[in-house]
All heavy atoms as atom14 arrays in JSON, in Angstrom:
{
  "sequence": "ASGEQLRLDAEGNGPIAAFVTAMNGIGEDVHILDYQEHALGEGKDA",
  "atom14_mask": [
    [1, 1, 1, 1, 1, 0, 0, 0, 0, 0, 0, 0, 0, 0],
    [1, 1, 1, 1, 1, 1, 0, 0, 0, 0, 0, 0, 0, 0],
    [1, 1, 1, 1, 0, 0, 0, 0, 0, 0, 0, 0, 0, 0],
    [1, 1, 1, 1, 1, 1, 1, 1, 1, 0, 0, 0, 0, 0],
    [1, 1, 1, 1, 1, 1, 1, 1, 1, 0, 0, 0, 0, 0],
    [1, 1, 1, 1, 1, 1, 1, 1, 0, 0, 0, 0, 0, 0],
    [1, 1, 1, 1, 1, 1, 1, 1, 1, 1, 1, 0, 0, 0],
    [1, 1, 1, 1, 1, 1, 1, 1, 0, 0, 0, 0, 0, 0],
    [1, 1, 1, 1, 1, 1, 1, 1, 0, 0, 0, 0, 0, 0],
    [1, 1, 1, 1, 1, 0, 0, 0, 0, 0, 0, 0, 0, 0],
    [1, 1, 1, 1, 1, 1, 1, 1, 1, 0, 0, 0, 0, 0],
    [1, 1, 1, 1, 0, 0, 0, 0, 0, 0, 0, 0, 0, 0],
    [1, 1, 1, 1, 1, 1, 1, 1, 0, 0, 0, 0, 0, 0],
    [1, 1, 1, 1, 0, 0, 0, 0, 0, 0, 0, 0, 0, 0],
    [1, 1, 1, 1, 1, 1, 1, 0, 0, 0, 0, 0, 0, 0],
    [1, 1, 1, 1, 1, 1, 1, 1, 0, 0, 0, 0, 0, 0],
    [1, 1, 1, 1, 1, 0, 0, 0, 0, 0, 0, 0, 0, 0],
    [1, 1, 1, 1, 1, 0, 0, 0, 0, 0, 0, 0, 0, 0],
    [1, 1, 1, 1, 1, 1, 1, 1, 1, 1, 1, 0, 0, 0],
    [1, 1, 1, 1, 1, 1, 1, 0, 0, 0, 0, 0, 0, 0],
    [1, 1, 1, 1, 1, 1, 1, 0, 0, 0, 0, 0, 0, 0],
    [1, 1, 1, 1, 1, 0, 0, 0, 0, 0, 0, 0, 0, 0],
    [1, 1, 1, 1, 1, 1, 1, 1, 0, 0, 0, 0, 0, 0],
    [1, 1, 1, 1, 1, 1, 1, 1, 0, 0, 0, 0, 0, 0],
    [1, 1, 1, 1, 0, 0, 0, 0, 0, 0, 0, 0, 0, 0],
    [1, 1, 1, 1, 1, 1, 1, 1, 0, 0, 0, 0, 0, 0],
    [1, 1, 1, 1, 0, 0, 0, 0, 0, 0, 0, 0, 0, 0],
    [1, 1, 1, 1, 1, 1, 1, 1, 1, 0, 0, 0, 0, 0],
    [1, 1, 1, 1, 1, 1, 1, 1, 0, 0, 0, 0, 0, 0],
    [1, 1, 1, 1, 1, 1, 1, 0, 0, 0, 0, 0, 0, 0],
    [1, 1, 1, 1, 1, 1, 1, 1, 1, 1, 0, 0, 0, 0],
    [1, 1, 1, 1, 1, 1, 1, 1, 0, 0, 0, 0, 0, 0],
    [1, 1, 1, 1, 1, 1, 1, 1, 0, 0, 0, 0, 0, 0],
    [1, 1, 1, 1, 1, 1, 1, 1, 0, 0, 0, 0, 0, 0],
    [1, 1, 1, 1, 1, 1, 1, 1, 1, 1, 1, 1, 0, 0],
    [1, 1, 1, 1, 1, 1, 1, 1, 1, 0, 0, 0, 0, 0],
    [1, 1, 1, 1, 1, 1, 1, 1, 1, 0, 0, 0, 0, 0],
    [1, 1, 1, 1, 1, 1, 1, 1, 1, 1, 0, 0, 0, 0],
    [1, 1, 1, 1, 1, 0, 0, 0, 0, 0, 0, 0, 0, 0],
    [1, 1, 1, 1, 1, 1, 1, 1, 0, 0, 0, 0, 0, 0],
    [1, 1, 1, 1, 0, 0, 0, 0, 0, 0, 0, 0, 0, 0],
    [1, 1, 1, 1, 1, 1, 1, 1, 1, 0, 0, 0, 0, 0],
    [1, 1, 1, 1, 0, 0, 0, 0, 0, 0, 0, 0, 0, 0],
    [1, 1, 1, 1, 1, 1, 1, 1, 1, 0, 0, 0, 0, 0],
    [1, 1, 1, 1, 1, 1, 1, 1, 0, 0, 0, 0, 0, 0],
    [1, 1, 1, 1, 1, 0, 0, 0, 0, 0, 0, 0, 0, 0]
  ],
  "atom14_positions": [
    [[41.22, 32.19, -2.72], [39.78, 32.04, -2.92], [38.99, 32.93, -1.97], [37.96, 33.5, -2.33], [39.37, 30.58, -2.73], [0.0, 0.0, 0.0], [0.0, 0.0, 0.0], [0.0, 0.0, 0.0], [0.0, 0.0, 0.0], [0.0, 0.0, 0.0], [0.0, 0.0, 0.0], [0.0, 0.0, 0.0], [0.0, 0.0, 0.0], [0.0, 0.0, 0.0]],
    [[39.49, 33.09, -0.73], [38.75, 33.85, 0.27], [39.37, 35.21, 0.57], [38.73, 36.08, 1.15], [38.67, 33.04, 1.58], [39.98, 32.84, 2.1], [0.0, 0.0, 0.0], [0.0, 0.0, 0.0], [0.0, 0.0, 0.0], [0.0, 0.0, 0.0], [0.0, 0.0, 0.0], [0.0, 0.0, 0.0], [0.0, 0.0, 0.0], [0.0, 0.0, 0.0]],
    [[40.64, 35.37, 0.2], [41.34, 36.6, 0.54], [41.91, 36.59, 1.95], [42.54, 37.56, 2.38], [0.0, 0.0, 0.0], [0.0, 0.0, 0.0], [0.0, 0.0, 0.0], [0.0, 0.0, 0.0], [0.0, 0.0, 0.0], [0.0, 0.0, 0.0], [0.0, 0.0, 0.0], [0.0, 0.0, 0.0], [0.0, 0.0, 0.0], [0.0, 0.0, 0.0]],
    [[41.69, 35.48, 2.69], [42.21, 35.37, 4.05], [43.74, 35.35, 4.02], [44.34, 34.68, 3.18], [41.7, 34.08, 4.7], [42.22, 33.87, 6.11], [41.81, 32.52, 6.68], [41.06, 31.79, 5.99], [42.26, 32.2, 7.8], [0.0, 0.0, 0.0], [0.0, 0.0, 0.0], [0.0, 0.0, 0.0], [0.0, 0.0, 0.0], [0.0, 0.0, 0.0]],
    [[44.35, 36.08, 4.94], [45.81, 36.13, 5.02], [46.29, 35.39, 6.27], [45.8, 35.63, 7.38], [46.3, 37.57, 5.02], [46.04, 38.29, 3.7], [46.81, 39.59, 3.58], [47.29, 40.14, 4.57], [46.93, 40.08, 2.34], [0.0, 0.0, 0.0], [0.0, 0.0, 0.0], [0.0, 0.0, 0.0], [0.0, 0.0, 0.0], [0.0, 0.0, 0.0]],
    [[47.23, 34.49, 6.04], [47.81, 33.71, 7.13], [49.18, 34.24, 7.46], [50.02, 34.4, 6.56], [47.92, 32.23, 6.72], [46.64, 31.52, 6.28], [46.95, 30.12, 5.83], [45.61, 31.52, 7.41], [0.0, 0.0, 0.0], [0.0, 0.0, 0.0], [0.0, 0.0, 0.0], [0.0, 0.0, 0.0], [0.0, 0.0, 0.0], [0.0, 0.0, 0.0]],
    [[49.41, 34.53, 8.74], [50.75, 34.96, 9.17], [51.5, 33.73, 9.65], [51.03, 33.0, 10.53], [50.67, 36.01, 10.27], [52.05, 36.52, 10.7], [51.98, 37.63, 11.73], [53.31, 38.06, 12.09], [54.03, 38.95, 11.4], [53.51, 39.5, 10.3], [55.25, 39.28, 11.8], [0.0, 0.0, 0.0], [0.0, 0.0, 0.0], [0.0, 0.0, 0.0]],
    [[52.65, 33.49, 9.05], [53.44, 32.3, 9.35], [54.73, 32.69, 10.03], [55.45, 33.57, 9.56], [53.76, 31.53, 8.05], [52.57, 31.2, 7.14], [53.07, 30.57, 5.85], [51.6, 30.27, 7.85], [0.0, 0.0, 0.0], [0.0, 0.0, 0.0], [0.0, 0.0, 0.0], [0.0, 0.0, 0.0], [0.0, 0.0, 0.0], [0.0, 0.0, 0.0]],
    [[55.0, 32.07, 11.14], [56.25, 32.28, 11.85], [56.87, 30.91, 12.12], [56.19, 30.0, 12.63], [56.02, 33.01, 13.17], [55.48, 34.42, 12.96], [56.21, 35.25, 12.37], [54.33, 34.66, 13.37], [0.0, 0.0, 0.0], [0.0, 0.0, 0.0], [0.0, 0.0, 0.0], [0.0, 0.0, 0.0], [0.0, 0.0, 0.0], [0.0, 0.0, 0.0]],
    [[58.15, 30.78, 11.74], [58.8, 29.48, 11.93], [60.31, 29.66, 11.99], [60.85, 30.7, 11.58], [58.42, 28.53, 10.78], [0.0, 0.0, 0.0], [0.0, 0.0, 0.0], [0.0, 0.0, 0.0], [0.0, 0.0, 0.0], [0.0, 0.0, 0.0], [0.0, 0.0, 0.0], [0.0, 0.0, 0.0], [0.0, 0.0, 0.0], [0.0, 0.0, 0.0]],
    [[60.96, 28.62, 12.52], [62.41, 28.62, 12.57], [62.95, 27.43, 11.77], [62.27, 26.43, 11.57], [62.9, 28.52, 14.02], [62.62, 29.74, 14.86], [63.24, 29.63, 16.25], [63.85, 28.56, 16.54], [63.13, 30.58, 17.03], [0.0, 0.0, 0.0], [0.0, 0.0, 0.0], [0.0, 0.0, 0.0], [0.0, 0.0, 0.0], [0.0, 0.0, 0.0]],
    [[64.22, 27.58, 11.34], [64.88, 26.5, 10.61], [66.33, 26.86, 10.39], [66.79, 27.93, 10.78], [0.0, 0.0, 0.0], [0.0, 0.0, 0.0], [0.0, 0.0, 0.0], [0.0, 0.0, 0.0], [0.0, 0.0, 0.0], [0.0, 0.0, 0.0], [0.0, 0.0, 0.0], [0.0, 0.0, 0.0], [0.0, 0.0, 0.0], [0.0, 0.0, 0.0]],
    [[67.04, 25.94, 9.73], [68.45, 26.22, 9.47], [68.65, 27.0, 8.17], [69.72, 27.0, 7.59], [69.28, 24.93, 9.44], [68.8, 23.97, 8.35], [67.85, 24.27, 7.62], [69.44, 22.82, 8.26], [0.0, 0.0, 0.0], [0.0, 0.0, 0.0], [0.0, 0.0, 0.0], [0.0, 0.0, 0.0], [0.0, 0.0, 0.0], [0.0, 0.0, 0.0]],
    [[67.62, 27.65, 7.72], [67.64, 28.48, 6.53], [66.22, 28.86, 6.17], [65.26, 28.29, 6.7], [0.0, 0.0, 0.0], [0.0, 0.0, 0.0], [0.0, 0.0, 0.0], [0.0, 0.0, 0.0], [0.0, 0.0, 0.0], [0.0, 0.0, 0.0], [0.0, 0.0, 0.0], [0.0, 0.0, 0.0], [0.0, 0.0, 0.0], [0.0, 0.0, 0.0]],
    [[66.03, 29.81, 5.26], [64.67, 30.26, 4.95], [63.81, 29.17, 4.33], [62.6, 29.12, 4.6], [64.89, 31.42, 3.99], [66.27, 31.23, 3.45], [67.05, 30.58, 4.54], [0.0, 0.0, 0.0], [0.0, 0.0, 0.0], [0.0, 0.0, 0.0], [0.0, 0.0, 0.0], [0.0, 0.0, 0.0], [0.0, 0.0, 0.0], [0.0, 0.0, 0.0]],
    [[64.4, 28.31, 3.52], [63.6, 27.26, 2.88], [63.11, 26.27, 3.93], [61.92, 25.9, 3.96], [64.42, 26.55, 1.79], [64.7, 27.51, 0.64], [63.7, 25.31, 1.29], [65.56, 26.93, -0.46], [0.0, 0.0, 0.0], [0.0, 0.0, 0.0], [0.0, 0.0, 0.0], [0.0, 0.0, 0.0], [0.0, 0.0, 0.0], [0.0, 0.0, 0.0]],
    [[64.03, 25.85, 4.81], [63.64, 24.91, 5.86], [62.58, 25.52, 6.77], [61.62, 24.85, 7.18], [64.87, 24.49, 6.67], [0.0, 0.0, 0.0], [0.0, 0.0, 0.0], [0.0, 0.0, 0.0], [0.0, 0.0, 0.0], [0.0, 0.0, 0.0], [0.0, 0.0, 0.0], [0.0, 0.0, 0.0], [0.0, 0.0, 0.0], [0.0, 0.0, 0.0]],
    [[62.73, 26.8, 7.11], [61.76, 27.46, 7.97], [60.39, 27.54, 7.28], [59.35, 27.31, 7.91], [62.25, 28.86, 8.32], [0.0, 0.0, 0.0], [0.0, 0.0, 0.0], [0.0, 0.0, 0.0], [0.0, 0.0, 0.0], [0.0, 0.0, 0.0], [0.0, 0.0, 0.0], [0.0, 0.0, 0.0], [0.0, 0.0, 0.0], [0.0, 0.0, 0.0]],
    [[60.39, 27.83, 5.99], [59.13, 27.95, 5.27], [58.43, 26.6, 5.18], [57.2, 26.5, 5.32], [59.39, 28.52, 3.88], [58.13, 28.9, 3.14], [57.36, 29.97, 3.55], [57.71, 28.18, 2.04], [56.2, 30.34, 2.88], [56.56, 28.53, 1.35], [55.8, 29.62, 1.76], [0.0, 0.0, 0.0], [0.0, 0.0, 0.0], [0.0, 0.0, 0.0]],
    [[59.19, 25.53, 4.95], [58.61, 24.19, 4.9], [57.99, 23.83, 6.25], [56.9, 23.26, 6.32], [59.67, 23.15, 4.48], [59.16, 21.73, 4.71], [60.05, 23.35, 3.01], [0.0, 0.0, 0.0], [0.0, 0.0, 0.0], [0.0, 0.0, 0.0], [0.0, 0.0, 0.0], [0.0, 0.0, 0.0], [0.0, 0.0, 0.0], [0.0, 0.0, 0.0]],
    [[58.7, 24.18, 7.31], [58.15, 23.95, 8.66], [56.82, 24.68, 8.83], [55.85, 24.13, 9.38], [59.15, 24.42, 9.73], [60.37, 23.68, 9.6], [58.6, 24.24, 11.14], [0.0, 0.0, 0.0], [0.0, 0.0, 0.0], [0.0, 0.0, 0.0], [0.0, 0.0, 0.0], [0.0, 0.0, 0.0], [0.0, 0.0, 0.0], [0.0, 0.0, 0.0]],
    [[56.76, 25.93, 8.35], [55.52, 26.7, 8.45], [54.41, 26.05, 7.63], [53.25, 26.01, 8.07], [55.77, 28.13, 7.97], [0.0, 0.0, 0.0], [0.0, 0.0, 0.0], [0.0, 0.0, 0.0], [0.0, 0.0, 0.0], [0.0, 0.0, 0.0], [0.0, 0.0, 0.0], [0.0, 0.0, 0.0], [0.0, 0.0, 0.0], [0.0, 0.0, 0.0]],
    [[54.73, 25.54, 6.45], [53.71, 24.89, 5.62], [53.17, 23.63, 6.3], [51.97, 23.36, 6.27], [54.31, 24.52, 4.25], [54.61, 25.69, 3.34], [53.11, 26.63, 2.91], [53.2, 27.95, 4.1], [0.0, 0.0, 0.0], [0.0, 0.0, 0.0], [0.0, 0.0, 0.0], [0.0, 0.0, 0.0], [0.0, 0.0, 0.0], [0.0, 0.0, 0.0]],
    [[54.07, 22.86, 6.89], [53.62, 21.67, 7.6], [52.7, 22.04, 8.76], [51.78, 21.29, 9.12], [54.82, 20.87, 8.11], [55.63, 20.27, 6.96], [55.09, 20.01, 5.89], [56.92, 20.05, 7.2], [0.0, 0.0, 0.0], [0.0, 0.0, 0.0], [0.0, 0.0, 0.0], [0.0, 0.0, 0.0], [0.0, 0.0, 0.0], [0.0, 0.0, 0.0]],
    [[52.93, 23.26, 9.31], [52.11, 23.71, 10.43], [50.69, 24.04, 10.03], [49.8, 24.08, 10.89], [0.0, 0.0, 0.0], [0.0, 0.0, 0.0], [0.0, 0.0, 0.0], [0.0, 0.0, 0.0], [0.0, 0.0, 0.0], [0.0, 0.0, 0.0], [0.0, 0.0, 0.0], [0.0, 0.0, 0.0], [0.0, 0.0, 0.0], [0.0, 0.0, 0.0]],
    [[50.44, 24.3, 8.74], [49.06, 24.59, 8.3], [48.46, 23.41, 7.54], [47.48, 23.55, 6.81], [49.01, 25.87, 7.43], [49.83, 25.71, 6.16], [49.47, 27.08, 8.23], [49.63, 26.85, 5.16], [0.0, 0.0, 0.0], [0.0, 0.0, 0.0], [0.0, 0.0, 0.0], [0.0, 0.0, 0.0], [0.0, 0.0, 0.0], [0.0, 0.0, 0.0]],
    [[49.09, 22.23, 7.69], [48.49, 21.03, 7.12], [49.01, 20.61, 5.77], [48.47, 19.66, 5.17], [0.0, 0.0, 0.0], [0.0, 0.0, 0.0], [0.0, 0.0, 0.0], [0.0, 0.0, 0.0], [0.0, 0.0, 0.0], [0.0, 0.0, 0.0], [0.0, 0.0, 0.0], [0.0, 0.0, 0.0], [0.0, 0.0, 0.0], [0.0, 0.0, 0.0]],
    [[50.05, 21.28, 5.25], [50.63, 20.87, 3.98], [51.84, 19.98, 4.26], [52.76, 20.37, 4.97], [51.07, 22.1, 3.17], [49.95, 23.03, 2.81], [49.07, 22.49, 1.68], [49.35, 21.4, 1.16], [48.08, 23.16, 1.34], [0.0, 0.0, 0.0], [0.0, 0.0, 0.0], [0.0, 0.0, 0.0], [0.0, 0.0, 0.0], [0.0, 0.0, 0.0]],
    [[51.84, 18.77, 3.69], [52.95, 17.84, 3.88], [53.96, 18.07, 2.74], [53.8, 17.55, 1.64], [52.42, 16.4, 3.85], [53.52, 15.39, 4.19], [54.6, 15.81, 4.63], [53.28, 14.19, 3.96], [0.0, 0.0, 0.0], [0.0, 0.0, 0.0], [0.0, 0.0, 0.0], [0.0, 0.0, 0.0], [0.0, 0.0, 0.0], [0.0, 0.0, 0.0]],
    [[54.99, 18.9, 3.01], [55.93, 19.33, 1.97], [57.34, 18.84, 2.32], [57.81, 19.02, 3.45], [55.94, 20.87, 1.84], [56.94, 21.31, 0.77], [54.54, 21.38, 1.5], [0.0, 0.0, 0.0], [0.0, 0.0, 0.0], [0.0, 0.0, 0.0], [0.0, 0.0, 0.0], [0.0, 0.0, 0.0], [0.0, 0.0, 0.0], [0.0, 0.0, 0.0]],
    [[58.0, 18.23, 1.32], [59.4, 17.82, 1.46], [60.18, 18.29, 0.24], [59.72, 18.11, -0.9], [59.51, 16.3, 1.58], [58.74, 15.72, 2.73], [59.23, 15.67, 4.02], [57.48, 15.19, 2.78], [58.33, 15.13, 4.81], [57.25, 14.82, 4.09], [0.0, 0.0, 0.0], [0.0, 0.0, 0.0], [0.0, 0.0, 0.0], [0.0, 0.0, 0.0]],
    [[61.32, 18.91, 0.44], [62.15, 19.41, -0.67], [63.06, 18.29, -1.16], [63.83, 17.71, -0.37], [63.0, 20.62, -0.23], [62.1, 21.71, 0.35], [63.81, 21.16, -1.4], [61.07, 22.25, -0.61], [0.0, 0.0, 0.0], [0.0, 0.0, 0.0], [0.0, 0.0, 0.0], [0.0, 0.0, 0.0], [0.0, 0.0, 0.0], [0.0, 0.0, 0.0]],
    [[63.0, 17.98, -2.46], [63.83, 16.94, -3.05], [65.02, 17.5, -3.82], [66.07, 16.86, -3.9], [62.97, 16.07, -4.0], [61.71, 15.46, -3.39], [60.94, 14.69, -4.46], [62.06, 14.57, -2.21], [0.0, 0.0, 0.0], [0.0, 0.0, 0.0], [0.0, 0.0, 0.0], [0.0, 0.0, 0.0], [0.0, 0.0, 0.0], [0.0, 0.0, 0.0]],
    [[64.86, 18.67, -4.41], [65.96, 19.29, -5.17], [65.72, 20.79, -5.22], [64.57, 21.25, -5.23], [66.03, 18.71, -6.59], [67.32, 19.08, -7.32], [68.24, 19.63, -6.67], [67.42, 18.82, -8.54], [0.0, 0.0, 0.0], [0.0, 0.0, 0.0], [0.0, 0.0, 0.0], [0.0, 0.0, 0.0], [0.0, 0.0, 0.0], [0.0, 0.0, 0.0]],
    [[66.81, 21.54, -5.27], [66.71, 22.99, -5.36], [67.86, 23.52, -6.21], [69.01, 23.14, -6.02], [66.77, 23.64, -3.97], [66.87, 25.15, -4.02], [65.74, 25.93, -4.28], [68.09, 25.8, -3.83], [65.83, 27.31, -4.33], [68.19, 27.17, -3.88], [67.05, 27.93, -4.14], [67.13, 29.29, -4.22], [0.0, 0.0, 0.0], [0.0, 0.0, 0.0]],
    [[67.53, 24.39, -7.17], [68.56, 25.03, -8.0], [68.13, 26.47, -8.27], [66.92, 26.77, -8.3], [68.76, 24.29, -9.33], [69.28, 22.87, -9.17], [69.52, 22.19, -10.49], [69.98, 22.81, -11.45], [69.22, 20.89, -10.54], [0.0, 0.0, 0.0], [0.0, 0.0, 0.0], [0.0, 0.0, 0.0], [0.0, 0.0, 0.0], [0.0, 0.0, 0.0]],
    [[69.12, 27.33, -8.45], [68.82, 28.72, -8.76], [69.9, 29.29, -9.66], [71.01, 28.77, -9.73], [68.71, 29.56, -7.48], [70.04, 29.69, -6.74], [69.95, 30.57, -5.5], [68.94, 30.46, -4.76], [70.89, 31.36, -5.28], [0.0, 0.0, 0.0], [0.0, 0.0, 0.0], [0.0, 0.0, 0.0], [0.0, 0.0, 0.0], [0.0, 0.0, 0.0]],
    [[69.58, 30.38, -10.36], [70.57, 31.09, -11.17], [70.05, 32.5, -11.46], [68.83, 32.76, -11.41], [70.87, 30.36, -12.48], [69.69, 30.27, -13.41], [69.33, 31.28, -14.27], [68.78, 29.27, -13.6], [68.27, 30.9, -14.96], [67.9, 29.7, -14.57], [0.0, 0.0, 0.0], [0.0, 0.0, 0.0], [0.0, 0.0, 0.0], [0.0, 0.0, 0.0]],
    [[70.97, 33.39, -11.76], [70.6, 34.76, -12.11], [70.05, 34.8, -13.53], [70.44, 34.01, -14.39], [71.8, 35.69, -11.99], [0.0, 0.0, 0.0], [0.0, 0.0, 0.0], [0.0, 0.0, 0.0], [0.0, 0.0, 0.0], [0.0, 0.0, 0.0], [0.0, 0.0, 0.0], [0.0, 0.0, 0.0], [0.0, 0.0, 0.0], [0.0, 0.0, 0.0]],
    [[69.16, 35.72, -13.78], [68.58, 35.91, -15.12], [69.18, 37.11, -15.83], [68.69, 37.5, -16.89], [67.06, 36.08, -15.01], [66.28, 34.86, -14.54], [64.81, 35.2, -14.35], [66.44, 33.71, -15.54], [0.0, 0.0, 0.0], [0.0, 0.0, 0.0], [0.0, 0.0, 0.0], [0.0, 0.0, 0.0], [0.0, 0.0, 0.0], [0.0, 0.0, 0.0]],
    [[70.2, 37.68, -15.26], [70.85, 38.83, -15.87], [72.1, 39.18, -15.09], [72.58, 38.39, -14.26], [0.0, 0.0, 0.0], [0.0, 0.0, 0.0], [0.0, 0.0, 0.0], [0.0, 0.0, 0.0], [0.0, 0.0, 0.0], [0.0, 0.0, 0.0], [0.0, 0.0, 0.0], [0.0, 0.0, 0.0], [0.0, 0.0, 0.0], [0.0, 0.0, 0.0]],
    [[72.62, 40.36, -15.35], [73.83, 40.81, -14.67], [73.51, 42.0, -13.76], [72.54, 42.72, -13.99], [74.88, 41.2, -15.7], [75.31, 40.04, -16.6], [76.31, 40.46, -17.64], [76.62, 41.68, -17.7], [76.78, 39.6, -18.41], [0.0, 0.0, 0.0], [0.0, 0.0, 0.0], [0.0, 0.0, 0.0], [0.0, 0.0, 0.0], [0.0, 0.0, 0.0]],
    [[74.32, 42.17, -12.75], [74.1, 43.28, -11.83], [73.37, 42.85, -10.57], [72.69, 41.82, -10.54], [0.0, 0.0, 0.0], [0.0, 0.0, 0.0], [0.0, 0.0, 0.0], [0.0, 0.0, 0.0], [0.0, 0.0, 0.0], [0.0, 0.0, 0.0], [0.0, 0.0, 0.0], [0.0, 0.0, 0.0], [0.0, 0.0, 0.0], [0.0, 0.0, 0.0]],
    [[73.48, 43.68, -9.54], [72.9, 43.31, -8.25], [71.38, 43.32, -8.25], [70.73, 42.68, -7.41], [73.42, 44.25, -7.16], [73.02, 45.71, -7.36], [73.57, 46.58, -6.23], [73.14, 48.04, -6.4], [73.65, 48.89, -5.3], [0.0, 0.0, 0.0], [0.0, 0.0, 0.0], [0.0, 0.0, 0.0], [0.0, 0.0, 0.0], [0.0, 0.0, 0.0]],
    [[70.76, 44.05, -9.18], [69.31, 44.11, -9.23], [68.7, 43.11, -10.21], [67.5, 43.13, -10.47], [68.86, 45.53, -9.62], [69.23, 46.55, -8.55], [69.21, 46.18, -7.36], [69.54, 47.71, -8.92], [0.0, 0.0, 0.0], [0.0, 0.0, 0.0], [0.0, 0.0, 0.0], [0.0, 0.0, 0.0], [0.0, 0.0, 0.0], [0.0, 0.0, 0.0]],
    [[69.54, 42.25, -10.79], [69.04, 41.27, -11.76], [68.15, 40.26, -11.05], [68.47, 39.82, -9.93], [70.2, 40.58, -12.45], [0.0, 0.0, 0.0], [0.0, 0.0, 0.0], [0.0, 0.0, 0.0], [0.0, 0.0, 0.0], [0.0, 0.0, 0.0], [0.0, 0.0, 0.0], [0.0, 0.0, 0.0], [0.0, 0.0, 0.0], [0.0, 0.0, 0.0]]
  ]
}
């Protein structure tokens, strides 16, 4: 809405945990309940 950019720095036992920690630091109460991922194609650039 404002174009303001927030620089977030945080630590964790992985990027997701670190990002959640950063979100909590700016007032967002975030908890991860489930996570899944998969490739959408073949090859290293998929």
